[in-house]
């Protein structure tokens, strides 16, 4: 049974349209005109227990709206959503006991309290047995390095320190599902690696189910084997990360370092079908190949038979480039899944 299910999930925001000035304000008060913005449009997906799913899209695509619907913060305008068999909005208290949430731009900690005081309050709210709480706190301290942060007021923490504390607050009650909305935004590489390591550890140790929204595609490649891609409120892809690379990553780039200057010889090179020279400068020869027509080994062998090659590098298409292709229409809604 899926731990999360959404069927034709939709959310429409209704706002009053106001003309400028005092007259416009009075008109909006007496005879309001409404505008509707469809933030999410009949989105359907399921998440199985223990999955780590990346949920990605450009700003305004509907990512945060989806997370708010799954956590019960918002009521859907249409469709059905279930988390652990519950309606998140109607059963908010029960849902909150079994989920954890990190909003990268908002805090769940008390701003004026020390980190340890916030964690103590959260432990009381969730009625965590004291011995188990101390054990969990020690485990999170070991992974996140919380010791130096515990006596510090939340308002005095740097962004990276606060995110470590936020993740501890999210995991301290051992939720079954965690929603991470931009958890690494603005963080340096060291802190990002530490947070990713903790998420990976909790997933492997407890079978934690994770839904991760992010603009940092490094998070997706490090943590997720499956991705959901949303664009303009509609789901345009649901499937393995590897399938995106297979369907769209059709080209590779081979860079050869050759013994002598190659400009004069580049035009006379004989290459397999699907391969072409895109740059020949100094001792560098760059060849682009279509993997549907030729393999990297075939191209490499052809070049090495004609030139004295000192070194070779093969570049795979990166995820950022592939996602840009999707947004440009390389995958349509009809191809989702």
C-alpha atoms as a PDB file:
ATOM      1  CA  UNK A   1       0.000   0.000   0.000  1.00  0.00           C
ATOM      2  CA  UNK A   2       1.424   3.431  -0.932  1.00  0.00           C
ATOM      3  CA  UNK A   3       2.447   5.588   2.000  1.00  0.00           C
ATOM      4  CA  UNK A   4       1.467   8.700  -0.011  1.00  0.00           C
ATOM      5  CA  UNK A   5      -1.142   8.871  -2.746  1.00  0.00           C
ATOM      6  CA  UNK A   6      -2.486  11.809  -4.728  1.00  0.00           C
ATOM      7  CA  UNK A   7      -5.231  11.464  -7.321  1.00  0.00           C
ATOM      8  CA  UNK A   8      -6.151  14.415  -9.551  1.00  0.00           C
ATOM      9  CA  UNK A   9      -4.841  16.742  -6.852  1.00  0.00           C
ATOM     10  CA  UNK A  10      -5.587  20.390  -7.623  1.00  0.00           C
ATOM     11  CA  UNK A  11      -5.217  23.713  -5.862  1.00  0.00           C
ATOM     12  CA  UNK A  12      -6.691  27.023  -7.020  1.00  0.00           C
ATOM     13  CA  UNK A  13      -5.853  30.297  -5.288  1.00  0.00           C
ATOM     14  CA  UNK A  14      -8.553  32.980  -5.437  1.00  0.00           C
ATOM     15  CA  UNK A  15      -7.486  36.608  -5.021  1.00  0.00           C
ATOM     16  CA  UNK A  16      -9.241  39.954  -5.303  1.00  0.00           C
ATOM     17  CA  UNK A  17      -8.264  41.995  -8.347  1.00  0.00           C
ATOM     18  CA  UNK A  18      -7.639  45.605  -7.321  1.00  0.00           C
ATOM     19  CA  UNK A  19      -7.234  48.703  -9.424  1.00  0.00           C
ATOM     20  CA  UNK A  20      -4.674  51.242  -8.160  1.00  0.00           C
ATOM     21  CA  UNK A  21      -5.547  54.138  -5.896  1.00  0.00           C
ATOM     22  CA  UNK A  22      -8.262  54.849  -3.337  1.00  0.00           C
ATOM     23  CA  UNK A  23     -11.059  54.417  -5.879  1.00  0.00           C
ATOM     24  CA  UNK A  24      -9.703  51.007  -6.783  1.00  0.00           C
ATOM     25  CA  UNK A  25      -9.550  49.985  -3.112  1.00  0.00           C
ATOM     26  CA  UNK A  26     -13.177  51.083  -2.515  1.00  0.00           C
ATOM     27  CA  UNK A  27     -14.351  49.306  -5.656  1.00  0.00           C
ATOM     28  CA  UNK A  28     -12.622  46.111  -4.568  1.00  0.00           C
ATOM     29  CA  UNK A  29     -14.324  46.395  -1.179  1.00  0.00           C
ATOM     30  CA  UNK A  30     -17.845  47.064  -2.507  1.00  0.00           C
ATOM     31  CA  UNK A  31     -17.832  44.970  -5.692  1.00  0.00           C
ATOM     32  CA  UNK A  32     -14.799  42.661  -5.576  1.00  0.00           C
ATOM     33  CA  UNK A  33     -13.575  41.010  -8.761  1.00  0.00           C
ATOM     34  CA  UNK A  34     -11.785  37.743  -8.286  1.00  0.00           C
ATOM     35  CA  UNK A  35      -8.913  36.185 -10.141  1.00  0.00           C
ATOM     36  CA  UNK A  36      -8.106  32.508  -9.984  1.00  0.00           C
ATOM     37  CA  UNK A  37      -4.634  31.028 -10.270  1.00  0.00           C
ATOM     38  CA  UNK A  38      -4.359  27.267 -10.687  1.00  0.00           C
ATOM     39  CA  UNK A  39      -1.221  26.336  -8.781  1.00  0.00           C
ATOM     40  CA  UNK A  40      -1.721  22.581  -9.153  1.00  0.00           C
ATOM     41  CA  UNK A  41      -3.726  20.930 -11.922  1.00  0.00           C
ATOM     42  CA  UNK A  42      -4.912  17.307 -11.525  1.00  0.00           C
ATOM     43  CA  UNK A  43      -1.613  15.864 -10.323  1.00  0.00           C
ATOM     44  CA  UNK A  44      -1.543  12.132  -9.554  1.00  0.00           C
ATOM     45  CA  UNK A  45       1.271  10.048  -8.061  1.00  0.00           C
ATOM     46  CA  UNK A  46       2.044   7.524  -5.330  1.00  0.00           C
ATOM     47  CA  UNK A  47       5.055   7.056  -3.060  1.00  0.00           C
ATOM     48  CA  UNK A  48       5.867   3.642  -1.622  1.00  0.00           C
ATOM     49  CA  UNK A  49       7.265   3.110   1.902  1.00  0.00           C
ATOM     50  CA  UNK A  50      11.012   3.702   2.059  1.00  0.00           C
ATOM     51  CA  UNK A  51      11.272   5.665  -1.193  1.00  0.00           C
ATOM     52  CA  UNK A  52      13.339   8.837  -1.489  1.00  0.00           C
ATOM     53  CA  UNK A  53      11.622  10.898  -4.172  1.00  0.00           C
ATOM     54  CA  UNK A  54      12.860  14.136  -5.680  1.00  0.00           C
ATOM     55  CA  UNK A  55      10.135  16.665  -6.553  1.00  0.00           C
ATOM     56  CA  UNK A  56      11.533  19.353  -8.802  1.00  0.00           C
ATOM     57  CA  UNK A  57      10.373  22.289 -10.883  1.00  0.00           C
ATOM     58  CA  UNK A  58      11.041  25.961 -11.515  1.00  0.00           C
ATOM     59  CA  UNK A  59       9.779  28.676  -9.163  1.00  0.00           C
ATOM     60  CA  UNK A  60       5.990  28.785  -9.269  1.00  0.00           C
ATOM     61  CA  UNK A  61       5.677  25.282 -10.729  1.00  0.00           C
ATOM     62  CA  UNK A  62       3.646  24.008  -7.747  1.00  0.00           C
ATOM     63  CA  UNK A  63       6.244  22.250  -5.572  1.00  0.00           C
ATOM     64  CA  UNK A  64       5.645  24.036  -2.270  1.00  0.00           C
ATOM     65  CA  UNK A  65       1.869  23.956  -2.814  1.00  0.00           C
ATOM     66  CA  UNK A  66       2.072  20.168  -3.134  1.00  0.00           C
ATOM     67  CA  UNK A  67       4.078  19.877   0.093  1.00  0.00           C
ATOM     68  CA  UNK A  68       1.547  22.065   1.923  1.00  0.00           C
ATOM     69  CA  UNK A  69      -1.288  19.843   0.677  1.00  0.00           C
ATOM     70  CA  UNK A  70       0.538  16.674   1.769  1.00  0.00           C
ATOM     71  CA  UNK A  71       1.260  18.088   5.221  1.00  0.00           C
ATOM     72  CA  UNK A  72      -2.294  19.349   5.779  1.00  0.00           C
ATOM     73  CA  UNK A  73      -1.438  23.053   5.778  1.00  0.00           C
ATOM     74  CA  UNK A  74      -3.725  23.617   2.770  1.00  0.00           C
ATOM     75  CA  UNK A  75      -7.049  22.088   1.736  1.00  0.00           C
ATOM     76  CA  UNK A  76      -7.150  20.766  -1.855  1.00  0.00           C
ATOM     77  CA  UNK A  77      -9.464  22.487  -4.317  1.00  0.00           C
ATOM     78  CA  UNK A  78     -10.020  19.122  -5.991  1.00  0.00           C
ATOM     79  CA  UNK A  79      -8.860  15.539  -5.984  1.00  0.00           C
ATOM     80  CA  UNK A  80      -7.923  13.178  -3.182  1.00  0.00           C
ATOM     81  CA  UNK A  81      -4.729  13.013  -1.131  1.00  0.00           C
ATOM     82  CA  UNK A  82      -3.778  10.446   1.491  1.00  0.00           C
ATOM     83  CA  UNK A  83      -0.695  10.237   3.705  1.00  0.00           C
ATOM     84  CA  UNK A  84      -0.435   7.033   5.756  1.00  0.00           C
ATOM     85  CA  UNK A  85      -4.059   6.406   4.864  1.00  0.00           C
ATOM     86  CA  UNK A  86      -5.212   9.737   6.307  1.00  0.00           C
ATOM     87  CA  UNK A  87      -6.632  12.920   4.849  1.00  0.00           C
ATOM     88  CA  UNK A  88      -3.834  15.343   5.856  1.00  0.00           C
ATOM     89  CA  UNK A  89      -6.116  18.377   6.185  1.00  0.00           C
ATOM     90  CA  UNK A  90      -9.001  16.740   8.058  1.00  0.00           C
ATOM     91  CA  UNK A  91      -6.709  14.679  10.301  1.00  0.00           C
ATOM     92  CA  UNK A  92      -3.965  17.231  10.869  1.00  0.00           C
ATOM     93  CA  UNK A  93      -3.076  16.256  14.440  1.00  0.00           C
ATOM     94  CA  UNK A  94      -2.760  12.542  13.704  1.00  0.00           C
ATOM     95  CA  UNK A  95      -0.893  13.302  10.481  1.00  0.00           C
ATOM     96  CA  UNK A  96       1.547  15.618  12.271  1.00  0.00           C
ATOM     97  CA  UNK A  97       2.584  12.877  14.707  1.00  0.00           C
ATOM     98  CA  UNK A  98       3.893  10.671  11.890  1.00  0.00           C
ATOM     99  CA  UNK A  99       5.501  13.226   9.580  1.00  0.00           C
ATOM    100  CA  UNK A 100       8.385  15.675   9.753  1.00  0.00           C
ATOM    101  CA  UNK A 101       8.762  18.825   7.676  1.00  0.00           C
ATOM    102  CA  UNK A 102      11.625  21.186   6.887  1.00  0.00           C
ATOM    103  CA  UNK A 103      10.804  24.413   5.082  1.00  0.00           C
ATOM    104  CA  UNK A 104      14.125  25.904   4.043  1.00  0.00           C
ATOM    105  CA  UNK A 105      12.866  29.482   4.319  1.00  0.00           C
ATOM    106  CA  UNK A 106      10.888  29.092   7.565  1.00  0.00           C
ATOM    107  CA  UNK A 107      11.750  27.877  11.039  1.00  0.00           C
ATOM    108  CA  UNK A 108       9.898  25.513  13.370  1.00  0.00           C
ATOM    109  CA  UNK A 109      12.197  26.470  16.252  1.00  0.00           C
ATOM    110  CA  UNK A 110      11.489  29.180  18.820  1.00  0.00           C
ATOM    111  CA  UNK A 111      13.551  32.195  17.812  1.00  0.00           C
ATOM    112  CA  UNK A 112      14.439  33.489  21.281  1.00  0.00           C
ATOM    113  CA  UNK A 113      15.055  30.085  22.894  1.00  0.00           C
ATOM    114  CA  UNK A 114      18.247  28.056  22.908  1.00  0.00           C
ATOM    115  CA  UNK A 115      18.277  25.127  20.503  1.00  0.00           C
ATOM    116  CA  UNK A 116      18.129  22.584  23.340  1.00  0.00           C
ATOM    117  CA  UNK A 117      15.080  24.330  24.815  1.00  0.00           C
ATOM    118  CA  UNK A 118      13.297  24.134  21.455  1.00  0.00           C
ATOM    119  CA  UNK A 119      14.139  20.440  21.162  1.00  0.00           C
ATOM    120  CA  UNK A 120      12.965  19.812  24.735  1.00  0.00           C
ATOM    121  CA  UNK A 121       9.623  21.460  23.921  1.00  0.00           C
ATOM    122  CA  UNK A 122       9.235  19.398  20.739  1.00  0.00           C
ATOM    123  CA  UNK A 123       9.980  16.231  22.724  1.00  0.00           C
ATOM    124  CA  UNK A 124       7.190  17.148  25.180  1.00  0.00           C
ATOM    125  CA  UNK A 125       4.754  17.978  22.384  1.00  0.00           C
ATOM    126  CA  UNK A 126       5.330  14.543  20.849  1.00  0.00           C
ATOM    127  CA  UNK A 127       5.415  12.854  24.274  1.00  0.00           C
ATOM    128  CA  UNK A 128       8.788  11.196  23.646  1.00  0.00           C
ATOM    129  CA  UNK A 129       9.910   8.965  26.526  1.00  0.00           C
ATOM    130  CA  UNK A 130      12.842  10.778  28.267  1.00  0.00           C
ATOM    131  CA  UNK A 131      15.393   7.955  27.900  1.00  0.00           C
ATOM    132  CA  UNK A 132      14.554   7.553  24.230  1.00  0.00           C
ATOM    133  CA  UNK A 133      14.774  11.322  23.738  1.00  0.00           C
ATOM    134  CA  UNK A 134      18.282  11.407  25.201  1.00  0.00           C
ATOM    135  CA  UNK A 135      19.321   8.520  22.964  1.00  0.00           C
ATOM    136  CA  UNK A 136      17.947  10.217  19.850  1.00  0.00           C
ATOM    137  CA  UNK A 137      19.580  13.500  20.817  1.00  0.00           C
ATOM    138  CA  UNK A 138      22.952  11.757  21.179  1.00  0.00           C
ATOM    139  CA  UNK A 139      22.557  10.121  17.751  1.00  0.00           C
ATOM    140  CA  UNK A 140      21.665  13.431  16.060  1.00  0.00           C
ATOM    141  CA  UNK A 141      24.492  15.179  17.905  1.00  0.00           C
ATOM    142  CA  UNK A 142      26.947  12.596  16.553  1.00  0.00           C
ATOM    143  CA  UNK A 143      25.751  13.058  12.952  1.00  0.00           C
ATOM    144  CA  UNK A 144      25.016  16.783  12.877  1.00  0.00           C
ATOM    145  CA  UNK A 145      27.490  18.092  15.432  1.00  0.00           C
ATOM    146  CA  UNK A 146      24.813  19.704  17.581  1.00  0.00           C
ATOM    147  CA  UNK A 147      26.834  19.940  20.809  1.00  0.00           C
ATOM    148  CA  UNK A 148      28.154  23.459  20.225  1.00  0.00           C
ATOM    149  CA  UNK A 149      24.727  24.660  19.019  1.00  0.00           C
ATOM    150  CA  UNK A 150      22.511  23.388  21.842  1.00  0.00           C
ATOM    151  CA  UNK A 151      22.996  26.331  24.272  1.00  0.00           C
ATOM    152  CA  UNK A 152      22.846  28.984  21.516  1.00  0.00           C
ATOM    153  CA  UNK A 153      19.612  30.984  20.931  1.00  0.00           C
ATOM    154  CA  UNK A 154      18.144  30.198  17.522  1.00  0.00           C
ATOM    155  CA  UNK A 155      18.321  33.875  16.518  1.00  0.00           C
ATOM    156  CA  UNK A 156      22.133  33.760  16.853  1.00  0.00           C
ATOM    157  CA  UNK A 157      22.646  30.770  14.535  1.00  0.00           C
ATOM    158  CA  UNK A 158      24.060  31.056  11.039  1.00  0.00           C
ATOM    159  CA  UNK A 159      21.957  29.651   8.195  1.00  0.00           C
ATOM    160  CA  UNK A 160      23.944  26.421   8.086  1.00  0.00           C
ATOM    161  CA  UNK A 161      23.741  25.984  11.861  1.00  0.00           C
ATOM    162  CA  UNK A 162      20.009  26.656  11.851  1.00  0.00           C
ATOM    163  CA  UNK A 163      19.392  24.053   9.149  1.00  0.00           C
ATOM    164  CA  UNK A 164      21.261  21.460  11.217  1.00  0.00           C
ATOM    165  CA  UNK A 165      19.029  22.312  14.167  1.00  0.00           C
ATOM    166  CA  UNK A 166      15.915  22.276  11.947  1.00  0.00           C
ATOM    167  CA  UNK A 167      16.718  18.789  10.701  1.00  0.00           C
ATOM    168  CA  UNK A 168      17.243  17.598  14.281  1.00  0.00           C
ATOM    169  CA  UNK A 169      13.849  19.058  15.250  1.00  0.00           C
ATOM    170  CA  UNK A 170      12.265  17.292  12.282  1.00  0.00           C
ATOM    171  CA  UNK A 171      13.712  13.854  13.072  1.00  0.00           C
ATOM    172  CA  UNK A 172      13.640  13.883  16.890  1.00  0.00           C
ATOM    173  CA  UNK A 173      10.164  12.256  17.094  1.00  0.00           C
ATOM    174  CA  UNK A 174      11.098   9.517  14.570  1.00  0.00           C
ATOM    175  CA  UNK A 175       8.593  10.367  11.835  1.00  0.00           C
ATOM    176  CA  UNK A 176       7.700   7.786   9.204  1.00  0.00           C
ATOM    177  CA  UNK A 177       7.593  10.354   6.390  1.00  0.00           C
ATOM    178  CA  UNK A 178       9.718  13.477   5.994  1.00  0.00           C
ATOM    179  CA  UNK A 179       9.025  16.354   3.615  1.00  0.00           C
ATOM    180  CA  UNK A 180      12.045  18.518   2.856  1.00  0.00           C
ATOM    181  CA  UNK A 181      11.232  21.752   1.022  1.00  0.00           C
ATOM    182  CA  UNK A 182      14.493  23.364  -0.175  1.00  0.00           C
ATOM    183  CA  UNK A 183      16.488  22.125   2.860  1.00  0.00           C
ATOM    184  CA  UNK A 184      19.922  23.031   1.447  1.00  0.00           C
ATOM    185  CA  UNK A 185      19.126  26.471   0.022  1.00  0.00           C
ATOM    186  CA  UNK A 186      21.978  28.902   0.647  1.00  0.00           C
ATOM    187  CA  UNK A 187      24.187  26.354   2.430  1.00  0.00           C
ATOM    188  CA  UNK A 188      27.881  25.778   1.812  1.00  0.00           C
ATOM    189  CA  UNK A 189      29.148  22.453   0.477  1.00  0.00           C
ATOM    190  CA  UNK A 190      30.288  21.121   3.868  1.00  0.00           C
ATOM    191  CA  UNK A 191      26.880  21.628   5.496  1.00  0.00           C
ATOM    192  CA  UNK A 192      25.095  20.272   2.409  1.00  0.00           C
ATOM    193  CA  UNK A 193      27.154  17.101   2.561  1.00  0.00           C
ATOM    194  CA  UNK A 194      26.394  16.706   6.264  1.00  0.00           C
ATOM    195  CA  UNK A 195      22.638  17.075   5.740  1.00  0.00           C
ATOM    196  CA  UNK A 196      22.652  14.697   2.775  1.00  0.00           C
ATOM    197  CA  UNK A 197      24.585  12.143   4.820  1.00  0.00           C
ATOM    198  CA  UNK A 198      22.010  12.292   7.619  1.00  0.00           C
ATOM    199  CA  UNK A 199      19.078  11.867   5.220  1.00  0.00           C
ATOM    200  CA  UNK A 200      20.828   8.903   3.581  1.00  0.00           C
ATOM    201  CA  UNK A 201      21.609   7.395   6.989  1.00  0.00           C
ATOM    202  CA  UNK A 202      18.031   7.706   8.272  1.00  0.00           C
ATOM    203  CA  UNK A 203      16.681   6.209   5.054  1.00  0.00           C
ATOM    204  CA  UNK A 204      19.021   3.223   5.231  1.00  0.00           C
ATOM    205  CA  UNK A 205      18.687   2.687   8.995  1.00  0.00           C
ATOM    206  CA  UNK A 206      14.944   3.196   9.500  1.00  0.00           C
ATOM    207  CA  UNK A 207      13.478   2.903   6.013  1.00  0.00           C
ATOM    208  CA  UNK A 208      12.467   6.570   6.192  1.00  0.00           C
ATOM    209  CA  UNK A 209      10.270   7.809   3.345  1.00  0.00           C
ATOM    210  CA  UNK A 210      11.446  11.176   2.006  1.00  0.00           C
ATOM    211  CA  UNK A 211       9.940  13.680  -0.434  1.00  0.00           C
ATOM    212  CA  UNK A 212      12.547  16.277  -1.355  1.00  0.00           C
ATOM    213  CA  UNK A 213      11.927  19.493  -3.265  1.00  0.00           C
ATOM    214  CA  UNK A 214      15.017  21.388  -4.312  1.00  0.00           C
ATOM    215  CA  UNK A 215      16.661  23.607  -6.913  1.00  0.00           C
ATOM    216  CA  UNK A 216      19.977  21.956  -6.139  1.00  0.00           C
ATOM    217  CA  UNK A 217      20.165  19.052  -8.565  1.00  0.00           C
ATOM    218  CA  UNK A 218      23.156  17.755  -6.614  1.00  0.00           C
ATOM    219  CA  UNK A 219      20.669  16.836  -3.848  1.00  0.00           C
ATOM    220  CA  UNK A 220      18.629  14.835  -6.354  1.00  0.00           C
ATOM    221  CA  UNK A 221      21.617  12.983  -7.805  1.00  0.00           C
ATOM    222  CA  UNK A 222      23.005  12.222  -4.336  1.00  0.00           C
ATOM    223  CA  UNK A 223      19.781  11.028  -2.709  1.00  0.00           C
ATOM    224  CA  UNK A 224      17.013  10.147  -5.168  1.00  0.00           C
ATOM    225  CA  UNK A 225      16.564   7.306  -7.613  1.00  0.00           C
ATOM    226  CA  UNK A 226      13.114   8.527  -8.660  1.00  0.00           C
ATOM    227  CA  UNK A 227      11.998  12.035  -9.589  1.00  0.00           C
ATOM    228  CA  UNK A 228       8.714  13.828 -10.137  1.00  0.00           C
ATOM    229  CA  UNK A 229       8.959  16.912 -12.335  1.00  0.00           C
ATOM    230  CA  UNK A 230       6.184  19.486 -12.188  1.00  0.00           C
ATOM    231  CA  UNK A 231       5.789  22.401 -14.589  1.00  0.00           C
ATOM    232  CA  UNK A 232       3.017  25.030 -14.502  1.00  0.00           C
ATOM    233  CA  UNK A 233       1.106  22.931 -11.986  1.00  0.00           C
ATOM    234  CA  UNK A 234       1.158  19.744 -14.057  1.00  0.00           C
ATOM    235  CA  UNK A 235       3.205  16.600 -13.638  1.00  0.00           C
ATOM    236  CA  UNK A 236       5.407  16.199 -16.722  1.00  0.00           C
ATOM    237  CA  UNK A 237       7.579  13.304 -15.573  1.00  0.00           C
ATOM    238  CA  UNK A 238       7.381  10.535 -12.986  1.00  0.00           C
ATOM    239  CA  UNK A 239      10.033   7.866 -13.097  1.00  0.00           C
ATOM    240  CA  UNK A 240      13.626   6.845 -12.491  1.00  0.00           C
ATOM    241  CA  UNK A 241      16.362   9.421 -12.733  1.00  0.00           C
ATOM    242  CA  UNK A 242      18.216   6.996 -14.994  1.00  0.00           C
ATOM    243  CA  UNK A 243      15.361   7.059 -17.536  1.00  0.00           C
ATOM    244  CA  UNK A 244      15.691  10.830 -17.984  1.00  0.00           C
ATOM    245  CA  UNK A 245      19.350  10.395 -18.833  1.00  0.00           C
ATOM    246  CA  UNK A 246      18.539   7.503 -21.139  1.00  0.00           C
ATOM    247  CA  UNK A 247      15.767   9.331 -23.019  1.00  0.00           C
ATOM    248  CA  UNK A 248      17.343  12.762 -23.215  1.00  0.00           C
ATOM    249  CA  UNK A 249      21.041  12.203 -22.631  1.00  0.00           C
ATOM    250  CA  UNK A 250      21.661  10.964 -26.152  1.00  0.00           C
ATOM    251  CA  UNK A 251      24.911  12.861 -26.708  1.00  0.00           C
ATOM    252  CA  UNK A 252      28.309  12.594 -25.106  1.00  0.00           C
ATOM    253  CA  UNK A 253      31.424  14.687 -25.507  1.00  0.00           C
ATOM    254  CA  UNK A 254      34.895  13.175 -25.856  1.00  0.00           C
ATOM    255  CA  UNK A 255      37.915  15.404 -25.303  1.00  0.00           C
ATOM    256  CA  UNK A 256      41.258  14.137 -26.598  1.00  0.00           C
ATOM    257  CA  UNK A 257      44.651  15.506 -25.667  1.00  0.00           C
ATOM    258  CA  UNK A 258      46.934  14.825 -28.612  1.00  0.00           C
ATOM    259  CA  UNK A 259      50.693  14.940 -28.979  1.00  0.00           C
ATOM    260  CA  UNK A 260      50.831  17.664 -31.594  1.00  0.00           C
ATOM    261  CA  UNK A 261      48.645  20.556 -32.725  1.00  0.00           C
ATOM    262  CA  UNK A 262      45.537  19.172 -34.319  1.00  0.00           C
ATOM    263  CA  UNK A 263      43.868  22.000 -36.293  1.00  0.00           C
ATOM    264  CA  UNK A 264      45.312  20.953 -39.655  1.00  0.00           C
ATOM    265  CA  UNK A 265      44.448  17.276 -39.211  1.00  0.00           C
ATOM    266  CA  UNK A 266      40.926  17.650 -37.791  1.00  0.00           C
ATOM    267  CA  UNK A 267      39.307  18.105 -41.198  1.00  0.00           C
ATOM    268  CA  UNK A 268      40.825  14.846 -42.485  1.00  0.00           C
ATOM    269  CA  UNK A 269      39.700  12.679 -39.583  1.00  0.00           C
ATOM    270  CA  UNK A 270      37.471   9.714 -40.407  1.00  0.00           C
ATOM    271  CA  UNK A 271      34.863   9.263 -37.658  1.00  0.00           C
ATOM    272  CA  UNK A 272      31.951   6.809 -37.207  1.00  0.00           C
ATOM    273  CA  UNK A 273      28.441   7.936 -38.159  1.00  0.00           C
ATOM    274  CA  UNK A 274      26.937  10.083 -35.423  1.00  0.00           C
ATOM    275  CA  UNK A 275      30.258  11.643 -34.385  1.00  0.00           C
ATOM    276  CA  UNK A 276      31.542  15.078 -35.319  1.00  0.00           C
ATOM    277  CA  UNK A 277      34.417  17.365 -34.396  1.00  0.00           C
ATOM    278  CA  UNK A 278      33.132  20.406 -32.525  1.00  0.00           C
ATOM    279  CA  UNK A 279      36.502  21.953 -31.614  1.00  0.00           C
ATOM    280  CA  UNK A 280      40.094  21.461 -32.672  1.00  0.00           C
ATOM    281  CA  UNK A 281      42.453  23.886 -30.994  1.00  0.00           C
ATOM    282  CA  UNK A 282      46.087  23.440 -30.049  1.00  0.00           C
ATOM    283  CA  UNK A 283      46.506  19.967 -28.608  1.00  0.00           C
ATOM    284  CA  UNK A 284      42.784  19.559 -27.800  1.00  0.00           C
ATOM    285  CA  UNK A 285      40.278  17.755 -29.991  1.00  0.00           C
ATOM    286  CA  UNK A 286      36.612  17.733 -28.900  1.00  0.00           C
ATOM    287  CA  UNK A 287      34.219  15.262 -30.518  1.00  0.00           C
ATOM    288  CA  UNK A 288      30.460  15.098 -29.960  1.00  0.00           C
ATOM    289  CA  UNK A 289      28.752  11.745 -30.520  1.00  0.00           C
ATOM    290  CA  UNK A 290      25.196  10.452 -30.643  1.00  0.00           C
ATOM    291  CA  UNK A 291      25.226   7.288 -28.547  1.00  0.00           C
ATOM    292  CA  UNK A 292      22.318   5.897 -30.580  1.00  0.00           C
ATOM    293  CA  UNK A 293      24.637   5.675 -33.597  1.00  0.00           C
ATOM    294  CA  UNK A 294      28.083   5.157 -32.146  1.00  0.00           C
ATOM    295  CA  UNK A 295      29.710   4.236 -28.848  1.00  0.00           C
ATOM    296  CA  UNK A 296      32.436   6.166 -27.063  1.00  0.00           C
ATOM    297  CA  UNK A 297      34.812   3.240 -27.547  1.00  0.00           C
ATOM    298  CA  UNK A 298      34.231   3.241 -31.320  1.00  0.00           C
ATOM    299  CA  UNK A 299      34.960   6.962 -31.572  1.00  0.00           C
ATOM    300  CA  UNK A 300      37.988   6.685 -29.295  1.00  0.00           C
ATOM    301  CA  UNK A 301      39.397   3.807 -31.360  1.00  0.00           C
ATOM    302  CA  UNK A 302      38.891   5.715 -34.607  1.00  0.00           C
ATOM    303  CA  UNK A 303      40.698   8.818 -33.311  1.00  0.00           C
ATOM    304  CA  UNK A 304      43.533   6.801 -31.739  1.00  0.00           C
ATOM    305  CA  UNK A 305      44.125   5.001 -35.022  1.00  0.00           C
ATOM    306  CA  UNK A 306      44.721   8.363 -36.719  1.00  0.00           C
ATOM    307  CA  UNK A 307      46.278  10.541 -34.019  1.00  0.00           C
ATOM    308  CA  UNK A 308      48.809  10.139 -31.223  1.00  0.00           C
ATOM    309  CA  UNK A 309      46.487  10.497 -28.198  1.00  0.00           C
ATOM    310  CA  UNK A 310      48.006  11.273 -24.786  1.00  0.00           C
ATOM    311  CA  UNK A 311      44.786  11.465 -22.747  1.00  0.00           C
ATOM    312  CA  UNK A 312      41.020  11.102 -23.101  1.00  0.00           C
ATOM    313  CA  UNK A 313      37.998  12.343 -21.114  1.00  0.00           C
ATOM    314  CA  UNK A 314      34.338  11.394 -21.642  1.00  0.00           C
ATOM    315  CA  UNK A 315      31.677  13.827 -20.382  1.00  0.00           C
ATOM    316  CA  UNK A 316      28.173  12.562 -19.637  1.00  0.00           C
ATOM    317  CA  UNK A 317      25.229  14.985 -19.899  1.00  0.00           C
ATOM    318  CA  UNK A 318      24.576  16.631 -16.528  1.00  0.00           C
ATOM    319  CA  UNK A 319      21.180  16.630 -14.868  1.00  0.00           C
ATOM    320  CA  UNK A 320      20.794  20.417 -15.029  1.00  0.00           C
ATOM    321  CA  UNK A 321      21.043  20.333 -18.824  1.00  0.00           C
ATOM    322  CA  UNK A 322      18.525  17.494 -19.067  1.00  0.00           C
ATOM    323  CA  UNK A 323      15.997  19.249 -16.828  1.00  0.00           C
ATOM    324  CA  UNK A 324      16.293  22.391 -18.970  1.00  0.00           C
ATOM    325  CA  UNK A 325      15.411  20.228 -21.971  1.00  0.00           C
ATOM    326  CA  UNK A 326      12.324  18.967 -20.146  1.00  0.00           C
ATOM    327  CA  UNK A 327      11.174  22.507 -19.356  1.00  0.00           C
ATOM    328  CA  UNK A 328      11.713  23.384 -23.005  1.00  0.00           C
ATOM    329  CA  UNK A 329       9.265  20.637 -23.989  1.00  0.00           C
ATOM    330  CA  UNK A 330      11.480  17.603 -24.503  1.00  0.00           C
ATOM    331  CA  UNK A 331       8.971  15.684 -22.371  1.00  0.00           C
ATOM    332  CA  UNK A 332       5.299  16.569 -22.646  1.00  0.00           C
ATOM    333  CA  UNK A 333       2.489  15.855 -20.208  1.00  0.00           C
ATOM    334  CA  UNK A 334       1.438  13.008 -22.448  1.00  0.00           C
ATOM    335  CA  UNK A 335       4.805  11.339 -21.894  1.00  0.00           C
ATOM    336  CA  UNK A 336       4.727  11.565 -18.115  1.00  0.00           C
ATOM    337  CA  UNK A 337       5.626   8.312 -16.462  1.00  0.00           C
END
